[in-house]
Amino acid sequence: MELLSSSQRAYLRGLANRLDAIFQIGKEGIGENLIKQLDDVLEKRELIKISLLETCEHSVKEAAQMICDATGAQSVQMIGRKIVFYREAKKDENRKIELPAKKAKK
């Protein structure tokens, strides 16, 4: 997957401001079932926000990396214990977000 440019990240952060966290990760941690659910939701929504509870054994950075590795998503933003992820939908009919074009390097 191609990395997001800073302007694309900024655009996605703006979209994420309106989102509520749809998953909370607590003492159960990041298991196979959670990854499957996140994968399904990323395919449908492309941009999601999750929240780590104080009982989660992983740090925010560790959790973000684990989820990115398992789902192929990219972490867009981490604020406190909330993380925003983006992954372009694999199926054309599920694509909802049109990212701004990357600026050409000089």
PDB file of N, CA and C in Angstrom:
ATOM      1  N   MET A   1       0.839  -1.183   0.000  1.00  0.00           N
ATOM      2  CA  MET A   1       0.000   0.000   0.000  1.00  0.00           C
ATOM      3  C   MET A   1       0.884   1.247   0.000  1.00  0.00           C
ATOM      4  N   GLU A   2       0.468   2.200  -0.776  1.00  0.00           N
ATOM      5  CA  GLU A   2       1.200   3.458  -0.884  1.00  0.00           C
ATOM      6  C   GLU A   2       0.949   4.312   0.360  1.00  0.00           C
ATOM      7  N   LEU A   3       2.015   4.920   0.857  1.00  0.00           N
ATOM      8  CA  LEU A   3       1.870   5.760   2.047  1.00  0.00           C
ATOM      9  C   LEU A   3       1.102   7.035   1.720  1.00  0.00           C
ATOM     10  N   LEU A   4       0.383   7.511   2.719  1.00  0.00           N
ATOM     11  CA  LEU A   4      -0.390   8.740   2.563  1.00  0.00           C
ATOM     12  C   LEU A   4       0.534   9.956   2.625  1.00  0.00           C
ATOM     13  N   SER A   5       0.227  10.961   1.829  1.00  0.00           N
ATOM     14  CA  SER A   5       0.979  12.218   1.902  1.00  0.00           C
ATOM     15  C   SER A   5       0.445  13.024   3.089  1.00  0.00           C
ATOM     16  N   SER A   6       1.160  14.063   3.468  1.00  0.00           N
ATOM     17  CA  SER A   6       0.720  14.880   4.605  1.00  0.00           C
ATOM     18  C   SER A   6      -0.608  15.576   4.293  1.00  0.00           C
ATOM     19  N   SER A   7      -0.825  15.986   3.045  1.00  0.00           N
ATOM     20  CA  SER A   7      -2.102  16.626   2.698  1.00  0.00           C
ATOM     21  C   SER A   7      -3.252  15.612   2.728  1.00  0.00           C
ATOM     22  N   GLN A   8      -2.972  14.374   2.349  1.00  0.00           N
ATOM     23  CA  GLN A   8      -4.005  13.335   2.426  1.00  0.00           C
ATOM     24  C   GLN A   8      -4.333  13.003   3.879  1.00  0.00           C
ATOM     25  N   ARG A   9      -3.305  12.940   4.724  1.00  0.00           N
ATOM     26  CA  ARG A   9      -3.536  12.704   6.163  1.00  0.00           C
ATOM     27  C   ARG A   9      -4.371  13.827   6.766  1.00  0.00           C
ATOM     28  N   ALA A  10      -4.045  15.063   6.406  1.00  0.00           N
ATOM     29  CA  ALA A  10      -4.796  16.212   6.919  1.00  0.00           C
ATOM     30  C   ALA A  10      -6.259  16.132   6.490  1.00  0.00           C
ATOM     31  N   TYR A  11      -6.490  15.745   5.250  1.00  0.00           N
ATOM     32  CA  TYR A  11      -7.852  15.601   4.737  1.00  0.00           C
ATOM     33  C   TYR A  11      -8.603  14.535   5.532  1.00  0.00           C
ATOM     34  N   LEU A  12      -7.956  13.392   5.760  1.00  0.00           N
ATOM     35  CA  LEU A  12      -8.594  12.302   6.515  1.00  0.00           C
ATOM     36  C   LEU A  12      -8.822  12.689   7.975  1.00  0.00           C
ATOM     37  N   ARG A  13      -7.892  13.439   8.567  1.00  0.00           N
ATOM     38  CA  ARG A  13      -8.091  13.905   9.947  1.00  0.00           C
ATOM     39  C   ARG A  13      -9.329  14.787  10.035  1.00  0.00           C
ATOM     40  N   GLY A  14      -9.528  15.630   9.020  1.00  0.00           N
ATOM     41  CA  GLY A  14     -10.718  16.478   8.983  1.00  0.00           C
ATOM     42  C   GLY A  14     -11.993  15.654   8.928  1.00  0.00           C
ATOM     43  N   LEU A  15     -11.985  14.606   8.106  1.00  0.00           N
ATOM     44  CA  LEU A  15     -13.161  13.725   8.026  1.00  0.00           C
ATOM     45  C   LEU A  15     -13.385  12.986   9.343  1.00  0.00           C
ATOM     46  N   ALA A  16     -12.300  12.611   9.997  1.00  0.00           N
ATOM     47  CA  ALA A  16     -12.385  11.817  11.229  1.00  0.00           C
ATOM     48  C   ALA A  16     -12.918  12.623  12.411  1.00  0.00           C
ATOM     49  N   ASN A  17     -12.838  13.952  12.346  1.00  0.00           N
ATOM     50  CA  ASN A  17     -13.334  14.776  13.450  1.00  0.00           C
ATOM     51  C   ASN A  17     -14.791  14.487  13.772  1.00  0.00           C
ATOM     52  N   ARG A  18     -15.566  14.156  12.769  1.00  0.00           N
ATOM     53  CA  ARG A  18     -16.998  13.904  12.961  1.00  0.00           C
ATOM     54  C   ARG A  18     -17.301  12.477  13.390  1.00  0.00           C
ATOM     55  N   LEU A  19     -16.300  11.610  13.359  1.00  0.00           N
ATOM     56  CA  LEU A  19     -16.529  10.200  13.666  1.00  0.00           C
ATOM     57  C   LEU A  19     -16.514   9.932  15.167  1.00  0.00           C
ATOM     58  N   ASP A  20     -17.347   8.990  15.571  1.00  0.00           N
ATOM     59  CA  ASP A  20     -17.294   8.466  16.935  1.00  0.00           C
ATOM     60  C   ASP A  20     -16.474   7.185  16.903  1.00  0.00           C
ATOM     61  N   ALA A  21     -15.852   6.853  18.020  1.00  0.00           N
ATOM     62  CA  ALA A  21     -15.115   5.587  18.118  1.00  0.00           C
ATOM     63  C   ALA A  21     -16.116   4.444  18.050  1.00  0.00           C
ATOM     64  N   ILE A  22     -15.906   3.514  17.109  1.00  0.00           N
ATOM     65  CA  ILE A  22     -16.868   2.428  16.945  1.00  0.00           C
ATOM     66  C   ILE A  22     -16.402   1.132  17.597  1.00  0.00           C
ATOM     67  N   PHE A  23     -15.154   1.105  18.046  1.00  0.00           N
ATOM     68  CA  PHE A  23     -14.639  -0.041  18.788  1.00  0.00           C
ATOM     69  C   PHE A  23     -13.905   0.461  20.010  1.00  0.00           C
ATOM     70  N   GLN A  24     -14.003  -0.313  21.089  1.00  0.00           N
ATOM     71  CA  GLN A  24     -13.226  -0.046  22.289  1.00  0.00           C
ATOM     72  C   GLN A  24     -12.411  -1.293  22.581  1.00  0.00           C
ATOM     73  N   ILE A  25     -11.130  -1.104  22.795  1.00  0.00           N
ATOM     74  CA  ILE A  25     -10.258  -2.233  23.086  1.00  0.00           C
ATOM     75  C   ILE A  25      -9.874  -2.153  24.552  1.00  0.00           C
ATOM     76  N   GLY A  26     -10.179  -3.218  25.270  1.00  0.00           N
ATOM     77  CA  GLY A  26      -9.912  -3.258  26.707  1.00  0.00           C
ATOM     78  C   GLY A  26      -9.039  -4.433  27.073  1.00  0.00           C
ATOM     79  N   LYS A  27      -9.379  -5.080  28.185  1.00  0.00           N
ATOM     80  CA  LYS A  27      -8.543  -6.158  28.708  1.00  0.00           C
ATOM     81  C   LYS A  27      -8.503  -7.384  27.802  1.00  0.00           C
ATOM     82  N   GLU A  28      -9.495  -7.505  26.901  1.00  0.00           N
ATOM     83  CA  GLU A  28      -9.497  -8.629  25.959  1.00  0.00           C
ATOM     84  C   GLU A  28      -8.370  -8.486  24.942  1.00  0.00           C
ATOM     85  N   GLY A  29      -7.912  -7.264  24.738  1.00  0.00           N
ATOM     86  CA  GLY A  29      -6.794  -7.022  23.832  1.00  0.00           C
ATOM     87  C   GLY A  29      -7.182  -7.122  22.362  1.00  0.00           C
ATOM     88  N   ILE A  30      -6.178  -7.343  21.534  1.00  0.00           N
ATOM     89  CA  ILE A  30      -6.373  -7.392  20.086  1.00  0.00           C
ATOM     90  C   ILE A  30      -6.261  -8.846  19.651  1.00  0.00           C
ATOM     91  N   GLY A  31      -7.410  -9.448  19.434  1.00  0.00           N
ATOM     92  CA  GLY A  31      -7.445 -10.853  19.037  1.00  0.00           C
ATOM     93  C   GLY A  31      -7.912 -11.024  17.604  1.00  0.00           C
ATOM     94  N   GLU A  32      -7.985 -12.271  17.194  1.00  0.00           N
ATOM     95  CA  GLU A  32      -8.387 -12.613  15.829  1.00  0.00           C
ATOM     96  C   GLU A  32      -9.783 -12.097  15.499  1.00  0.00           C
ATOM     97  N   ASN A  33     -10.704 -12.222  16.446  1.00  0.00           N
ATOM     98  CA  ASN A  33     -12.079 -11.786  16.222  1.00  0.00           C
ATOM     99  C   ASN A  33     -12.152 -10.272  16.011  1.00  0.00           C
ATOM    100  N   LEU A  34     -11.436  -9.516  16.824  1.00  0.00           N
ATOM    101  CA  LEU A  34     -11.419  -8.058  16.681  1.00  0.00           C
ATOM    102  C   LEU A  34     -10.831  -7.663  15.325  1.00  0.00           C
ATOM    103  N   ILE A  35      -9.740  -8.310  14.931  1.00  0.00           N
ATOM    104  CA  ILE A  35      -9.108  -8.001  13.640  1.00  0.00           C
ATOM    105  C   ILE A  35     -10.090  -8.264  12.500  1.00  0.00           C
ATOM    106  N   LYS A  36     -10.822  -9.357  12.564  1.00  0.00           N
ATOM    107  CA  LYS A  36     -11.815  -9.680  11.523  1.00  0.00           C
ATOM    108  C   LYS A  36     -12.879  -8.594  11.461  1.00  0.00           C
ATOM    109  N   GLN A  37     -13.370  -8.158  12.634  1.00  0.00           N
ATOM    110  CA  GLN A  37     -14.385  -7.100  12.671  1.00  0.00           C
ATOM    111  C   GLN A  37     -13.839  -5.788  12.114  1.00  0.00           C
ATOM    112  N   LEU A  38     -12.618  -5.426  12.497  1.00  0.00           N
ATOM    113  CA  LEU A  38     -12.002  -4.198  11.993  1.00  0.00           C
ATOM    114  C   LEU A  38     -11.817  -4.271  10.477  1.00  0.00           C
ATOM    115  N   ASP A  39     -11.392  -5.421   9.988  1.00  0.00           N
ATOM    116  CA  ASP A  39     -11.190  -5.617   8.552  1.00  0.00           C
ATOM    117  C   ASP A  39     -12.502  -5.416   7.788  1.00  0.00           C
ATOM    118  N   ASP A  40     -13.581  -5.993   8.312  1.00  0.00           N
ATOM    119  CA  ASP A  40     -14.901  -5.857   7.674  1.00  0.00           C
ATOM    120  C   ASP A  40     -15.366  -4.397   7.667  1.00  0.00           C
ATOM    121  N   VAL A  41     -15.198  -3.714   8.786  1.00  0.00           N
ATOM    122  CA  VAL A  41     -15.655  -2.325   8.888  1.00  0.00           C
ATOM    123  C   VAL A  41     -14.801  -1.404   8.011  1.00  0.00           C
ATOM    124  N   LEU A  42     -13.496  -1.657   7.952  1.00  0.00           N
ATOM    125  CA  LEU A  42     -12.634  -0.855   7.074  1.00  0.00           C
ATOM    126  C   LEU A  42     -13.048  -1.012   5.614  1.00  0.00           C
ATOM    127  N   GLU A  43     -13.465  -2.204   5.224  1.00  0.00           N
ATOM    128  CA  GLU A  43     -13.912  -2.422   3.845  1.00  0.00           C
ATOM    129  C   GLU A  43     -15.175  -1.619   3.548  1.00  0.00           C
ATOM    130  N   LYS A  44     -16.040  -1.489   4.533  1.00  0.00           N
ATOM    131  CA  LYS A  44     -17.303  -0.772   4.322  1.00  0.00           C
ATOM    132  C   LYS A  44     -17.176   0.744   4.488  1.00  0.00           C
ATOM    133  N   ARG A  45     -16.353   1.177   5.450  1.00  0.00           N
ATOM    134  CA  ARG A  45     -16.292   2.608   5.780  1.00  0.00           C
ATOM    135  C   ARG A  45     -15.001   3.301   5.350  1.00  0.00           C
ATOM    136  N   GLU A  46     -13.928   2.565   5.240  1.00  0.00           N
ATOM    137  CA  GLU A  46     -12.587   3.054   4.888  1.00  0.00           C
ATOM    138  C   GLU A  46     -11.906   3.870   5.989  1.00  0.00           C
ATOM    139  N   LEU A  47     -12.652   4.629   6.754  1.00  0.00           N
ATOM    140  CA  LEU A  47     -12.081   5.479   7.808  1.00  0.00           C
ATOM    141  C   LEU A  47     -12.817   5.166   9.110  1.00  0.00           C
ATOM    142  N   ILE A  48     -12.065   4.743  10.129  1.00  0.00           N
ATOM    143  CA  ILE A  48     -12.686   4.390  11.411  1.00  0.00           C
ATOM    144  C   ILE A  48     -11.859   4.969  12.557  1.00  0.00           C
ATOM    145  N   LYS A  49     -12.540   5.105  13.682  1.00  0.00           N
ATOM    146  CA  LYS A  49     -11.881   5.576  14.911  1.00  0.00           C
ATOM    147  C   LYS A  49     -12.138   4.531  15.982  1.00  0.00           C
ATOM    148  N   ILE A  50     -11.084   4.191  16.717  1.00  0.00           N
ATOM    149  CA  ILE A  50     -11.234   3.262  17.831  1.00  0.00           C
ATOM    150  C   ILE A  50     -10.677   3.914  19.096  1.00  0.00           C
ATOM    151  N   SER A  51     -11.054   3.350  20.216  1.00  0.00           N
ATOM    152  CA  SER A  51     -10.635   3.882  21.506  1.00  0.00           C
ATOM    153  C   SER A  51      -9.995   2.758  22.320  1.00  0.00           C
ATOM    154  N   LEU A  52      -8.876   3.042  22.963  1.00  0.00           N
ATOM    155  CA  LEU A  52      -8.235   2.084  23.859  1.00  0.00           C
ATOM    156  C   LEU A  52      -8.617   2.432  25.288  1.00  0.00           C
ATOM    157  N   LEU A  53      -9.154   1.470  25.983  1.00  0.00           N
ATOM    158  CA  LEU A  53      -9.506   1.673  27.383  1.00  0.00           C
ATOM    159  C   LEU A  53      -8.249   1.548  28.244  1.00  0.00           C
ATOM    160  N   GLU A  54      -8.318   2.071  29.446  1.00  0.00           N
ATOM    161  CA  GLU A  54      -7.182   2.004  30.372  1.00  0.00           C
ATOM    162  C   GLU A  54      -6.779   0.564  30.675  1.00  0.00           C
ATOM    163  N   THR A  55      -7.737  -0.364  30.535  1.00  0.00           N
ATOM    164  CA  THR A  55      -7.459  -1.769  30.858  1.00  0.00           C
ATOM    165  C   THR A  55      -6.712  -2.499  29.745  1.00  0.00           C
ATOM    166  N   CYS A  56      -6.536  -1.865  28.599  1.00  0.00           N
ATOM    167  CA  CYS A  56      -5.815  -2.492  27.486  1.00  0.00           C
ATOM    168  C   CYS A  56      -4.341  -2.639  27.853  1.00  0.00           C
ATOM    169  N   GLU A  57      -3.799  -3.835  27.601  1.00  0.00           N
ATOM    170  CA  GLU A  57      -2.411  -4.112  27.971  1.00  0.00           C
ATOM    171  C   GLU A  57      -1.389  -3.493  27.021  1.00  0.00           C
ATOM    172  N   HIS A  58      -1.842  -3.007  25.867  1.00  0.00           N
ATOM    173  CA  HIS A  58      -0.937  -2.435  24.870  1.00  0.00           C
ATOM    174  C   HIS A  58      -0.934  -0.911  24.953  1.00  0.00           C
ATOM    175  N   SER A  59       0.197  -0.323  24.584  1.00  0.00           N
ATOM    176  CA  SER A  59       0.235   1.131  24.458  1.00  0.00           C
ATOM    177  C   SER A  59      -0.516   1.512  23.184  1.00  0.00           C
ATOM    178  N   VAL A  60      -0.835   2.782  23.029  1.00  0.00           N
ATOM    179  CA  VAL A  60      -1.553   3.249  21.845  1.00  0.00           C
ATOM    180  C   VAL A  60      -0.736   2.950  20.588  1.00  0.00           C
ATOM    181  N   LYS A  61       0.566   3.220  20.650  1.00  0.00           N
ATOM    182  CA  LYS A  61       1.430   2.969  19.481  1.00  0.00           C
ATOM    183  C   LYS A  61       1.512   1.486  19.150  1.00  0.00           C
ATOM    184  N   GLU A  62       1.642   0.643  20.174  1.00  0.00           N
ATOM    185  CA  GLU A  62       1.696  -0.808  19.942  1.00  0.00           C
ATOM    186  C   GLU A  62       0.399  -1.299  19.308  1.00  0.00           C
ATOM    187  N   ALA A  63      -0.730  -0.853  19.852  1.00  0.00           N
ATOM    188  CA  ALA A  63      -2.026  -1.273  19.326  1.00  0.00           C
ATOM    189  C   ALA A  63      -2.190  -0.820  17.877  1.00  0.00           C
ATOM    190  N   ALA A  64      -1.819   0.415  17.593  1.00  0.00           N
ATOM    191  CA  ALA A  64      -1.937   0.939  16.231  1.00  0.00           C
ATOM    192  C   ALA A  64      -1.104   0.102  15.267  1.00  0.00           C
ATOM    193  N   GLN A  65       0.122  -0.206  15.658  1.00  0.00           N
ATOM    194  CA  GLN A  65       1.005  -0.994  14.790  1.00  0.00           C
ATOM    195  C   GLN A  65       0.450  -2.395  14.562  1.00  0.00           C
ATOM    196  N   MET A  66      -0.058  -3.027  15.612  1.00  0.00           N
ATOM    197  CA  MET A  66      -0.624  -4.376  15.489  1.00  0.00           C
ATOM    198  C   MET A  66      -1.812  -4.380  14.532  1.00  0.00           C
ATOM    199  N   ILE A  67      -2.679  -3.379  14.661  1.00  0.00           N
ATOM    200  CA  ILE A  67      -3.869  -3.308  13.809  1.00  0.00           C
ATOM    201  C   ILE A  67      -3.472  -3.007  12.366  1.00  0.00           C
ATOM    202  N   CYS A  68      -2.530  -2.106  12.171  1.00  0.00           N
ATOM    203  CA  CYS A  68      -2.049  -1.792  10.813  1.00  0.00           C
ATOM    204  C   CYS A  68      -1.455  -3.031  10.150  1.00  0.00           C
ATOM    205  N   ASP A  69      -0.619  -3.752  10.885  1.00  0.00           N
ATOM    206  CA  ASP A  69       0.014  -4.955  10.342  1.00  0.00           C
ATOM    207  C   ASP A  69      -1.022  -6.015   9.967  1.00  0.00           C
ATOM    208  N   ALA A  70      -2.048  -6.165  10.807  1.00  0.00           N
ATOM    209  CA  ALA A  70      -3.035  -7.229  10.591  1.00  0.00           C
ATOM    210  C   ALA A  70      -4.080  -6.893   9.530  1.00  0.00           C
ATOM    211  N   THR A  71      -4.375  -5.611   9.342  1.00  0.00           N
ATOM    212  CA  THR A  71      -5.460  -5.236   8.427  1.00  0.00           C
ATOM    213  C   THR A  71      -4.982  -4.565   7.142  1.00  0.00           C
ATOM    214  N   GLY A  72      -3.734  -4.119   7.121  1.00  0.00           N
ATOM    215  CA  GLY A  72      -3.248  -3.384   5.959  1.00  0.00           C
ATOM    216  C   GLY A  72      -3.693  -1.933   5.957  1.00  0.00           C
ATOM    217  N   ALA A  73      -4.238  -1.477   7.080  1.00  0.00           N
ATOM    218  CA  ALA A  73      -4.677  -0.084   7.203  1.00  0.00           C
ATOM    219  C   ALA A  73      -3.478   0.799   7.557  1.00  0.00           C
ATOM    220  N   GLN A  74      -3.688   2.096   7.481  1.00  0.00           N
ATOM    221  CA  GLN A  74      -2.681   3.058   7.930  1.00  0.00           C
ATOM    222  C   GLN A  74      -3.278   3.868   9.065  1.00  0.00           C
ATOM    223  N   SER A  75      -2.454   4.129  10.072  1.00  0.00           N
ATOM    224  CA  SER A  75      -2.934   4.971  11.155  1.00  0.00           C
ATOM    225  C   SER A  75      -2.783   6.421  10.701  1.00  0.00           C
ATOM    226  N   VAL A  76      -3.866   7.166  10.824  1.00  0.00           N
ATOM    227  CA  VAL A  76      -3.921   8.544  10.351  1.00  0.00           C
ATOM    228  C   VAL A  76      -3.620   9.501  11.491  1.00  0.00           C
ATOM    229  N   GLN A  77      -4.102   9.154  12.688  1.00  0.00           N
ATOM    230  CA  GLN A  77      -4.012  10.081  13.807  1.00  0.00           C
ATOM    231  C   GLN A  77      -4.125   9.315  15.119  1.00  0.00           C
ATOM    232  N   MET A  78      -3.381   9.768  16.118  1.00  0.00           N
ATOM    233  CA  MET A  78      -3.498   9.249  17.480  1.00  0.00           C
ATOM    234  C   MET A  78      -3.612  10.441  18.408  1.00  0.00           C
ATOM    235  N   ILE A  79      -4.734  10.520  19.101  1.00  0.00           N
ATOM    236  CA  ILE A  79      -4.929  11.585  20.087  1.00  0.00           C
ATOM    237  C   ILE A  79      -5.373  10.917  21.381  1.00  0.00           C
ATOM    238  N   GLY A  80      -4.571  11.082  22.411  1.00  0.00           N
ATOM    239  CA  GLY A  80      -4.894  10.430  23.675  1.00  0.00           C
ATOM    240  C   GLY A  80      -4.930   8.928  23.476  1.00  0.00           C
ATOM    241  N   ARG A  81      -6.077   8.332  23.744  1.00  0.00           N
ATOM    242  CA  ARG A  81      -6.243   6.889  23.592  1.00  0.00           C
ATOM    243  C   ARG A  81      -7.156   6.547  22.413  1.00  0.00           C
ATOM    244  N   LYS A  82      -7.291   7.483  21.486  1.00  0.00           N
ATOM    245  CA  LYS A  82      -8.085   7.257  20.278  1.00  0.00           C
ATOM    246  C   LYS A  82      -7.154   7.182  19.068  1.00  0.00           C
ATOM    247  N   ILE A  83      -7.489   6.265  18.159  1.00  0.00           N
ATOM    248  CA  ILE A  83      -6.688   6.073  16.955  1.00  0.00           C
ATOM    249  C   ILE A  83      -7.624   6.071  15.758  1.00  0.00           C
ATOM    250  N   VAL A  84      -7.211   6.750  14.692  1.00  0.00           N
ATOM    251  CA  VAL A  84      -7.974   6.785  13.450  1.00  0.00           C
ATOM    252  C   VAL A  84      -7.198   5.970  12.407  1.00  0.00           C
ATOM    253  N   PHE A  85      -7.913   5.077  11.722  1.00  0.00           N
ATOM    254  CA  PHE A  85      -7.321   4.232  10.688  1.00  0.00           C
ATOM    255  C   PHE A  85      -8.004   4.476   9.353  1.00  0.00           C
ATOM    256  N   TYR A  86      -7.215   4.348   8.279  1.00  0.00           N
ATOM    257  CA  TYR A  86      -7.747   4.451   6.925  1.00  0.00           C
ATOM    258  C   TYR A  86      -7.216   3.287   6.094  1.00  0.00           C
ATOM    259  N   ARG A  87      -8.102   2.715   5.307  1.00  0.00           N
ATOM    260  CA  ARG A  87      -7.701   1.742   4.296  1.00  0.00           C
ATOM    261  C   ARG A  87      -8.686   1.835   3.147  1.00  0.00           C
ATOM    262  N   GLU A  88      -8.157   2.038   1.951  1.00  0.00           N
ATOM    263  CA  GLU A  88      -9.021   2.094   0.780  1.00  0.00           C
ATOM    264  C   GLU A  88      -9.732   0.753   0.628  1.00  0.00           C
ATOM    265  N   ALA A  89     -11.022   0.808   0.317  1.00  0.00           N
ATOM    266  CA  ALA A  89     -11.807  -0.413   0.129  1.00  0.00           C
ATOM    267  C   ALA A  89     -11.256  -1.198  -1.052  1.00  0.00           C
ATOM    268  N   LYS A  90     -11.293  -2.510  -0.925  1.00  0.00           N
ATOM    269  CA  LYS A  90     -10.788  -3.371  -2.000  1.00  0.00           C
ATOM    270  C   LYS A  90     -11.772  -3.434  -3.164  1.00  0.00           C
ATOM    271  N   LYS A  91     -13.066  -3.359  -2.842  1.00  0.00           N
ATOM    272  CA  LYS A  91     -14.099  -3.410  -3.886  1.00  0.00           C
ATOM    273  C   LYS A  91     -14.471  -1.993  -4.297  1.00  0.00           C
ATOM    274  N   ASP A  92     -14.536  -1.761  -5.603  1.00  0.00           N
ATOM    275  CA  ASP A  92     -14.850  -0.425  -6.123  1.00  0.00           C
ATOM    276  C   ASP A  92     -16.166   0.118  -5.582  1.00  0.00           C
ATOM    277  N   GLU A  93     -17.178  -0.748  -5.441  1.00  0.00           N
ATOM    278  CA  GLU A  93     -18.492  -0.254  -4.999  1.00  0.00           C
ATOM    279  C   GLU A  93     -18.484   0.211  -3.543  1.00  0.00           C
ATOM    280  N   ASN A  94     -17.470  -0.185  -2.783  1.00  0.00           N
ATOM    281  CA  ASN A  94     -17.369   0.239  -1.380  1.00  0.00           C
ATOM    282  C   ASN A  94     -16.544   1.505  -1.196  1.00  0.00           C
ATOM    283  N   ARG A  95     -15.908   1.992  -2.255  1.00  0.00           N
ATOM    284  CA  ARG A  95     -15.054   3.182  -2.128  1.00  0.00           C
ATOM    285  C   ARG A  95     -15.896   4.429  -1.984  1.00  0.00           C
ATOM    286  N   LYS A  96     -15.683   5.130  -0.877  1.00  0.00           N
ATOM    287  CA  LYS A  96     -16.466   6.326  -0.570  1.00  0.00           C
ATOM    288  C   LYS A  96     -15.595   7.578  -0.475  1.00  0.00           C
ATOM    289  N   ILE A  97     -14.347   7.397  -0.101  1.00  0.00           N
ATOM    290  CA  ILE A  97     -13.474   8.537   0.160  1.00  0.00           C
ATOM    291  C   ILE A  97     -12.576   8.786  -1.048  1.00  0.00           C
ATOM    292  N   GLU A  98     -12.631   9.985  -1.546  1.00  0.00           N
ATOM    293  CA  GLU A  98     -11.767  10.410  -2.658  1.00  0.00           C
ATOM    294  C   GLU A  98     -10.650  11.252  -2.062  1.00  0.00           C
ATOM    295  N   LEU A  99      -9.451  10.688  -2.027  1.00  0.00           N
ATOM    296  CA  LEU A  99      -8.317  11.410  -1.449  1.00  0.00           C
ATOM    297  C   LEU A  99      -7.824  12.485  -2.406  1.00  0.00           C
ATOM    298  N   PRO A 100      -7.352  13.615  -1.871  1.00  0.00           N
ATOM    299  CA  PRO A 100      -6.738  14.615  -2.748  1.00  0.00           C
ATOM    300  C   PRO A 100      -5.494  14.032  -3.394  1.00  0.00           C
ATOM    301  N   ALA A 101      -5.169  14.495  -4.576  1.00  0.00           N
ATOM    302  CA  ALA A 101      -3.996  13.996  -5.284  1.00  0.00           C
ATOM    303  C   ALA A 101      -2.735  14.391  -4.549  1.00  0.00           C
ATOM    304  N   LYS A 102      -1.729  13.515  -4.646  1.00  0.00           N
ATOM    305  CA  LYS A 102      -0.429  13.854  -4.054  1.00  0.00           C
ATOM    306  C   LYS A 102       0.212  14.928  -4.878  1.00  0.00           C
ATOM    307  N   LYS A 103       0.884  15.820  -4.209  1.00  0.00           N
ATOM    308  CA  LYS A 103       1.588  16.888  -4.899  1.00  0.00           C
ATOM    309  C   LYS A 103       2.889  16.327  -5.479  1.00  0.00           C
ATOM    310  N   ALA A 104       3.197  16.738  -6.677  1.00  0.00           N
ATOM    311  CA  ALA A 104       4.430  16.296  -7.314  1.00  0.00           C
ATOM    312  C   ALA A 104       5.634  16.901  -6.593  1.00  0.00           C
ATOM    313  N   LYS A 105       6.664  16.074  -6.427  1.00  0.00           N
ATOM    314  CA  LYS A 105       7.891  16.567  -5.776  1.00  0.00           C
ATOM    315  C   LYS A 105       8.704  17.353  -6.779  1.00  0.00           C
ATOM    316  N   LYS A 106       9.324  18.405  -6.302  1.00  0.00           N
ATOM    317  CA  LYS A 106      10.123  19.267  -7.186  1.00  0.00           C
ATOM    318  C   LYS A 106      11.524  18.733  -7.344  1.00  0.00           C
TER     319      LYS A 106
END
